[in-house]
Amino acid sequence: MTTIDVDGMSCTGCEDNVTDALGELPGVESASADHEAGTATVEGDVDVDAVVAAIEDAGYEASA
């Protein structure tokens, strides 16, 4: 399991955007986001840099 810090999420819609973006990555078994904690969690065999890039492509700031 990998947890990424995410800035810019303010609601459950933002969580859905991040989760959808992560779900499209190859190797992701499950993904979730929590706007109150400012994190996204990914389970599966996926590169951390790809996770960060997907979150940033969705319009949010991310760091591992």
PDB file of N, CA and C in Angstrom:
ATOM      1  N   MET A   1       0.844  -1.173   0.000  1.00  0.00           N
ATOM      2  CA  MET A   1       0.000   0.000   0.000  1.00  0.00           C
ATOM      3  C   MET A   1       0.897   1.246   0.000  1.00  0.00           C
ATOM      4  N   THR A   2       0.517   2.219  -0.806  1.00  0.00           N
ATOM      5  CA  THR A   2       1.248   3.471  -0.914  1.00  0.00           C
ATOM      6  C   THR A   2       0.318   4.626  -0.575  1.00  0.00           C
ATOM      7  N   THR A   3       0.775   5.529   0.279  1.00  0.00           N
ATOM      8  CA  THR A   3      -0.003   6.710   0.622  1.00  0.00           C
ATOM      9  C   THR A   3       0.726   7.949   0.117  1.00  0.00           C
ATOM     10  N   ILE A   4      -0.019   8.794  -0.567  1.00  0.00           N
ATOM     11  CA  ILE A   4       0.519  10.006  -1.171  1.00  0.00           C
ATOM     12  C   ILE A   4      -0.166  11.212  -0.532  1.00  0.00           C
ATOM     13  N   ASP A   5       0.606  12.252  -0.232  1.00  0.00           N
ATOM     14  CA  ASP A   5       0.023  13.507   0.244  1.00  0.00           C
ATOM     15  C   ASP A   5      -0.539  14.267  -0.946  1.00  0.00           C
ATOM     16  N   VAL A   6      -1.770  14.748  -0.794  1.00  0.00           N
ATOM     17  CA  VAL A   6      -2.448  15.464  -1.882  1.00  0.00           C
ATOM     18  C   VAL A   6      -2.959  16.810  -1.365  1.00  0.00           C
ATOM     19  N   ASP A   7      -2.595  17.881  -2.039  1.00  0.00           N
ATOM     20  CA  ASP A   7      -3.091  19.210  -1.705  1.00  0.00           C
ATOM     21  C   ASP A   7      -4.081  19.647  -2.768  1.00  0.00           C
ATOM     22  N   GLY A   8      -5.125  20.351  -2.344  1.00  0.00           N
ATOM     23  CA  GLY A   8      -6.080  20.908  -3.290  1.00  0.00           C
ATOM     24  C   GLY A   8      -7.428  20.224  -3.316  1.00  0.00           C
ATOM     25  N   MET A   9      -7.568  19.103  -2.609  1.00  0.00           N
ATOM     26  CA  MET A   9      -8.874  18.453  -2.540  1.00  0.00           C
ATOM     27  C   MET A   9      -9.712  19.162  -1.478  1.00  0.00           C
ATOM     28  N   SER A  10     -10.953  19.520  -1.830  1.00  0.00           N
ATOM     29  CA  SER A  10     -11.791  20.226  -0.865  1.00  0.00           C
ATOM     30  C   SER A  10     -13.152  19.565  -0.632  1.00  0.00           C
ATOM     31  N   CYS A  11     -13.440  18.491  -1.357  1.00  0.00           N
ATOM     32  CA  CYS A  11     -14.757  17.864  -1.219  1.00  0.00           C
ATOM     33  C   CYS A  11     -14.710  16.416  -1.694  1.00  0.00           C
ATOM     34  N   THR A  12     -15.848  15.736  -1.574  1.00  0.00           N
ATOM     35  CA  THR A  12     -15.902  14.336  -2.021  1.00  0.00           C
ATOM     36  C   THR A  12     -15.791  14.240  -3.538  1.00  0.00           C
ATOM     37  N   GLY A  13     -16.194  15.276  -4.256  1.00  0.00           N
ATOM     38  CA  GLY A  13     -16.018  15.278  -5.705  1.00  0.00           C
ATOM     39  C   GLY A  13     -14.544  15.241  -6.079  1.00  0.00           C
ATOM     40  N   CYS A  14     -13.732  15.958  -5.307  1.00  0.00           N
ATOM     41  CA  CYS A  14     -12.286  15.926  -5.524  1.00  0.00           C
ATOM     42  C   CYS A  14     -11.741  14.523  -5.254  1.00  0.00           C
ATOM     43  N   GLU A  15     -12.238  13.903  -4.188  1.00  0.00           N
ATOM     44  CA  GLU A  15     -11.831  12.531  -3.883  1.00  0.00           C
ATOM     45  C   GLU A  15     -12.142  11.614  -5.056  1.00  0.00           C
ATOM     46  N   ASP A  16     -13.335  11.775  -5.638  1.00  0.00           N
ATOM     47  CA  ASP A  16     -13.729  10.952  -6.779  1.00  0.00           C
ATOM     48  C   ASP A  16     -12.800  11.181  -7.969  1.00  0.00           C
ATOM     49  N   ASN A  17     -12.431  12.440  -8.222  1.00  0.00           N
ATOM     50  CA  ASN A  17     -11.524  12.751  -9.334  1.00  0.00           C
ATOM     51  C   ASN A  17     -10.185  12.053  -9.163  1.00  0.00           C
ATOM     52  N   VAL A  18      -9.636  12.121  -7.960  1.00  0.00           N
ATOM     53  CA  VAL A  18      -8.342  11.490  -7.687  1.00  0.00           C
ATOM     54  C   VAL A  18      -8.462   9.972  -7.781  1.00  0.00           C
ATOM     55  N   THR A  19      -9.508   9.417  -7.185  1.00  0.00           N
ATOM     56  CA  THR A  19      -9.700   7.966  -7.211  1.00  0.00           C
ATOM     57  C   THR A  19      -9.861   7.461  -8.645  1.00  0.00           C
ATOM     58  N   ASP A  20     -10.627   8.179  -9.450  1.00  0.00           N
ATOM     59  CA  ASP A  20     -10.814   7.789 -10.852  1.00  0.00           C
ATOM     60  C   ASP A  20      -9.498   7.833 -11.612  1.00  0.00           C
ATOM     61  N   ALA A  21      -8.713   8.886 -11.389  1.00  0.00           N
ATOM     62  CA  ALA A  21      -7.422   9.011 -12.081  1.00  0.00           C
ATOM     63  C   ALA A  21      -6.487   7.869 -11.706  1.00  0.00           C
ATOM     64  N   LEU A  22      -6.472   7.517 -10.434  1.00  0.00           N
ATOM     65  CA  LEU A  22      -5.600   6.431  -9.981  1.00  0.00           C
ATOM     66  C   LEU A  22      -6.087   5.076 -10.476  1.00  0.00           C
ATOM     67  N   GLY A  23      -7.384   4.909 -10.565  1.00  0.00           N
ATOM     68  CA  GLY A  23      -7.949   3.640 -11.025  1.00  0.00           C
ATOM     69  C   GLY A  23      -7.608   3.305 -12.461  1.00  0.00           C
ATOM     70  N   GLU A  24      -7.225   4.320 -13.231  1.00  0.00           N
ATOM     71  CA  GLU A  24      -6.851   4.098 -14.633  1.00  0.00           C
ATOM     72  C   GLU A  24      -5.415   3.638 -14.803  1.00  0.00           C
ATOM     73  N   LEU A  25      -4.616   3.702 -13.748  1.00  0.00           N
ATOM     74  CA  LEU A  25      -3.214   3.297 -13.848  1.00  0.00           C
ATOM     75  C   LEU A  25      -3.090   1.776 -13.887  1.00  0.00           C
ATOM     76  N   PRO A  26      -2.213   1.258 -14.736  1.00  0.00           N
ATOM     77  CA  PRO A  26      -1.988  -0.192 -14.756  1.00  0.00           C
ATOM     78  C   PRO A  26      -1.402  -0.662 -13.426  1.00  0.00           C
ATOM     79  N   GLY A  27      -1.891  -1.761 -12.932  1.00  0.00           N
ATOM     80  CA  GLY A  27      -1.367  -2.339 -11.705  1.00  0.00           C
ATOM     81  C   GLY A  27      -2.104  -1.930 -10.450  1.00  0.00           C
ATOM     82  N   VAL A  28      -2.994  -0.943 -10.543  1.00  0.00           N
ATOM     83  CA  VAL A  28      -3.737  -0.502  -9.364  1.00  0.00           C
ATOM     84  C   VAL A  28      -4.867  -1.483  -9.085  1.00  0.00           C
ATOM     85  N   GLU A  29      -4.853  -2.053  -7.883  1.00  0.00           N
ATOM     86  CA  GLU A  29      -5.914  -2.963  -7.470  1.00  0.00           C
ATOM     87  C   GLU A  29      -7.057  -2.195  -6.815  1.00  0.00           C
ATOM     88  N   SER A  30      -6.708  -1.172  -6.023  1.00  0.00           N
ATOM     89  CA  SER A  30      -7.726  -0.307  -5.420  1.00  0.00           C
ATOM     90  C   SER A  30      -7.095   1.037  -5.106  1.00  0.00           C
ATOM     91  N   ALA A  31      -7.940   2.059  -5.063  1.00  0.00           N
ATOM     92  CA  ALA A  31      -7.470   3.406  -4.757  1.00  0.00           C
ATOM     93  C   ALA A  31      -8.545   4.132  -3.974  1.00  0.00           C
ATOM     94  N   SER A  32      -8.107   5.000  -3.081  1.00  0.00           N
ATOM     95  CA  SER A  32      -9.040   5.828  -2.328  1.00  0.00           C
ATOM     96  C   SER A  32      -8.377   7.163  -2.046  1.00  0.00           C
ATOM     97  N   ALA A  33      -9.209   8.151  -1.731  1.00  0.00           N
ATOM     98  CA  ALA A  33      -8.709   9.481  -1.393  1.00  0.00           C
ATOM     99  C   ALA A  33      -9.523  10.034  -0.236  1.00  0.00           C
ATOM    100  N   ASP A  34      -8.885  10.870   0.560  1.00  0.00           N
ATOM    101  CA  ASP A  34      -9.538  11.487   1.714  1.00  0.00           C
ATOM    102  C   ASP A  34      -9.186  12.969   1.719  1.00  0.00           C
ATOM    103  N   HIS A  35     -10.171  13.807   1.373  1.00  0.00           N
ATOM    104  CA  HIS A  35      -9.881  15.237   1.271  1.00  0.00           C
ATOM    105  C   HIS A  35      -9.608  15.870   2.631  1.00  0.00           C
ATOM    106  N   GLU A  36     -10.191  15.337   3.692  1.00  0.00           N
ATOM    107  CA  GLU A  36      -9.953  15.901   5.020  1.00  0.00           C
ATOM    108  C   GLU A  36      -8.536  15.601   5.507  1.00  0.00           C
ATOM    109  N   ALA A  37      -8.035  14.408   5.208  1.00  0.00           N
ATOM    110  CA  ALA A  37      -6.673  14.036   5.599  1.00  0.00           C
ATOM    111  C   ALA A  37      -5.647  14.535   4.587  1.00  0.00           C
ATOM    112  N   GLY A  38      -6.101  14.830   3.371  1.00  0.00           N
ATOM    113  CA  GLY A  38      -5.179  15.274   2.327  1.00  0.00           C
ATOM    114  C   GLY A  38      -4.295  14.161   1.812  1.00  0.00           C
ATOM    115  N   THR A  39      -4.878  12.963   1.695  1.00  0.00           N
ATOM    116  CA  THR A  39      -4.101  11.815   1.236  1.00  0.00           C
ATOM    117  C   THR A  39      -4.854  11.001   0.196  1.00  0.00           C
ATOM    118  N   ALA A  40      -4.082  10.237  -0.551  1.00  0.00           N
ATOM    119  CA  ALA A  40      -4.616   9.225  -1.455  1.00  0.00           C
ATOM    120  C   ALA A  40      -3.851   7.942  -1.181  1.00  0.00           C
ATOM    121  N   THR A  41      -4.554   6.826  -1.223  1.00  0.00           N
ATOM    122  CA  THR A  41      -3.945   5.531  -0.957  1.00  0.00           C
ATOM    123  C   THR A  41      -4.170   4.610  -2.149  1.00  0.00           C
ATOM    124  N   VAL A  42      -3.100   3.910  -2.528  1.00  0.00           N
ATOM    125  CA  VAL A  42      -3.158   3.002  -3.669  1.00  0.00           C
ATOM    126  C   VAL A  42      -2.646   1.636  -3.244  1.00  0.00           C
ATOM    127  N   GLU A  43      -3.378   0.599  -3.639  1.00  0.00           N
ATOM    128  CA  GLU A  43      -2.914  -0.764  -3.435  1.00  0.00           C
ATOM    129  C   GLU A  43      -2.682  -1.401  -4.797  1.00  0.00           C
ATOM    130  N   GLY A  44      -1.578  -2.138  -4.910  1.00  0.00           N
ATOM    131  CA  GLY A  44      -1.252  -2.808  -6.157  1.00  0.00           C
ATOM    132  C   GLY A  44       0.195  -2.572  -6.528  1.00  0.00           C
ATOM    133  N   ASP A  45       0.573  -3.105  -7.664  1.00  0.00           N
ATOM    134  CA  ASP A  45       1.944  -2.996  -8.157  1.00  0.00           C
ATOM    135  C   ASP A  45       2.014  -1.819  -9.122  1.00  0.00           C
ATOM    136  N   VAL A  46       2.297  -0.634  -8.555  1.00  0.00           N
ATOM    137  CA  VAL A  46       2.304   0.577  -9.366  1.00  0.00           C
ATOM    138  C   VAL A  46       3.459   1.468  -8.916  1.00  0.00           C
ATOM    139  N   ASP A  47       4.051   2.163  -9.884  1.00  0.00           N
ATOM    140  CA  ASP A  47       5.173   3.050  -9.622  1.00  0.00           C
ATOM    141  C   ASP A  47       4.691   4.326  -8.915  1.00  0.00           C
ATOM    142  N   VAL A  48       5.366   4.710  -7.863  1.00  0.00           N
ATOM    143  CA  VAL A  48       4.971   5.891  -7.089  1.00  0.00           C
ATOM    144  C   VAL A  48       4.987   7.148  -7.954  1.00  0.00           C
ATOM    145  N   ASP A  49       5.977   7.263  -8.836  1.00  0.00           N
ATOM    146  CA  ASP A  49       6.042   8.435  -9.715  1.00  0.00           C
ATOM    147  C   ASP A  49       4.821   8.503 -10.630  1.00  0.00           C
ATOM    148  N   ALA A  50       4.325   7.354 -11.067  1.00  0.00           N
ATOM    149  CA  ALA A  50       3.131   7.322 -11.910  1.00  0.00           C
ATOM    150  C   ALA A  50       1.904   7.754 -11.111  1.00  0.00           C
ATOM    151  N   VAL A  51       1.855   7.384  -9.840  1.00  0.00           N
ATOM    152  CA  VAL A  51       0.744   7.783  -8.979  1.00  0.00           C
ATOM    153  C   VAL A  51       0.748   9.293  -8.805  1.00  0.00           C
ATOM    154  N   VAL A  52       1.907   9.855  -8.493  1.00  0.00           N
ATOM    155  CA  VAL A  52       2.031  11.305  -8.324  1.00  0.00           C
ATOM    156  C   VAL A  52       1.640  12.022  -9.614  1.00  0.00           C
ATOM    157  N   ALA A  53       2.120  11.526 -10.747  1.00  0.00           N
ATOM    158  CA  ALA A  53       1.818  12.150 -12.040  1.00  0.00           C
ATOM    159  C   ALA A  53       0.326  12.107 -12.340  1.00  0.00           C
ATOM    160  N   ALA A  54      -0.343  11.006 -12.034  1.00  0.00           N
ATOM    161  CA  ALA A  54      -1.774  10.885 -12.295  1.00  0.00           C
ATOM    162  C   ALA A  54      -2.568  11.874 -11.451  1.00  0.00           C
ATOM    163  N   ILE A  55      -2.165  12.036 -10.202  1.00  0.00           N
ATOM    164  CA  ILE A  55      -2.854  12.986  -9.323  1.00  0.00           C
ATOM    165  C   ILE A  55      -2.638  14.410  -9.826  1.00  0.00           C
ATOM    166  N   GLU A  56      -1.414  14.724 -10.224  1.00  0.00           N
ATOM    167  CA  GLU A  56      -1.128  16.062 -10.737  1.00  0.00           C
ATOM    168  C   GLU A  56      -1.855  16.320 -12.050  1.00  0.00           C
ATOM    169  N   ASP A  57      -1.963  15.302 -12.891  1.00  0.00           N
ATOM    170  CA  ASP A  57      -2.713  15.442 -14.146  1.00  0.00           C
ATOM    171  C   ASP A  57      -4.195  15.703 -13.882  1.00  0.00           C
ATOM    172  N   ALA A  58      -4.687  15.227 -12.734  1.00  0.00           N
ATOM    173  CA  ALA A  58      -6.080  15.444 -12.361  1.00  0.00           C
ATOM    174  C   ALA A  58      -6.299  16.850 -11.776  1.00  0.00           C
ATOM    175  N   GLY A  59      -5.192  17.594 -11.585  1.00  0.00           N
ATOM    176  CA  GLY A  59      -5.321  18.973 -11.149  1.00  0.00           C
ATOM    177  C   GLY A  59      -4.994  19.253  -9.691  1.00  0.00           C
ATOM    178  N   TYR A  60      -4.300  18.323  -9.048  1.00  0.00           N
ATOM    179  CA  TYR A  60      -3.979  18.476  -7.634  1.00  0.00           C
ATOM    180  C   TYR A  60      -2.469  18.398  -7.429  1.00  0.00           C
ATOM    181  N   GLU A  61      -1.997  18.927  -6.322  1.00  0.00           N
ATOM    182  CA  GLU A  61      -0.591  18.821  -5.971  1.00  0.00           C
ATOM    183  C   GLU A  61      -0.383  17.511  -5.224  1.00  0.00           C
ATOM    184  N   ALA A  62       0.683  16.783  -5.545  1.00  0.00           N
ATOM    185  CA  ALA A  62       0.928  15.491  -4.909  1.00  0.00           C
ATOM    186  C   ALA A  62       2.403  15.315  -4.604  1.00  0.00           C
ATOM    187  N   SER A  63       2.683  14.624  -3.506  1.00  0.00           N
ATOM    188  CA  SER A  63       4.069  14.287  -3.157  1.00  0.00           C
ATOM    189  C   SER A  63       4.086  12.973  -2.397  1.00  0.00           C
ATOM    190  N   ALA A  64       5.114  12.202  -2.666  1.00  0.00           N
ATOM    191  CA  ALA A  64       5.241  10.891  -2.031  1.00  0.00           C
ATOM    192  C   ALA A  64       6.012  11.017  -0.727  1.00  0.00           C
TER     193      ALA A  64
END
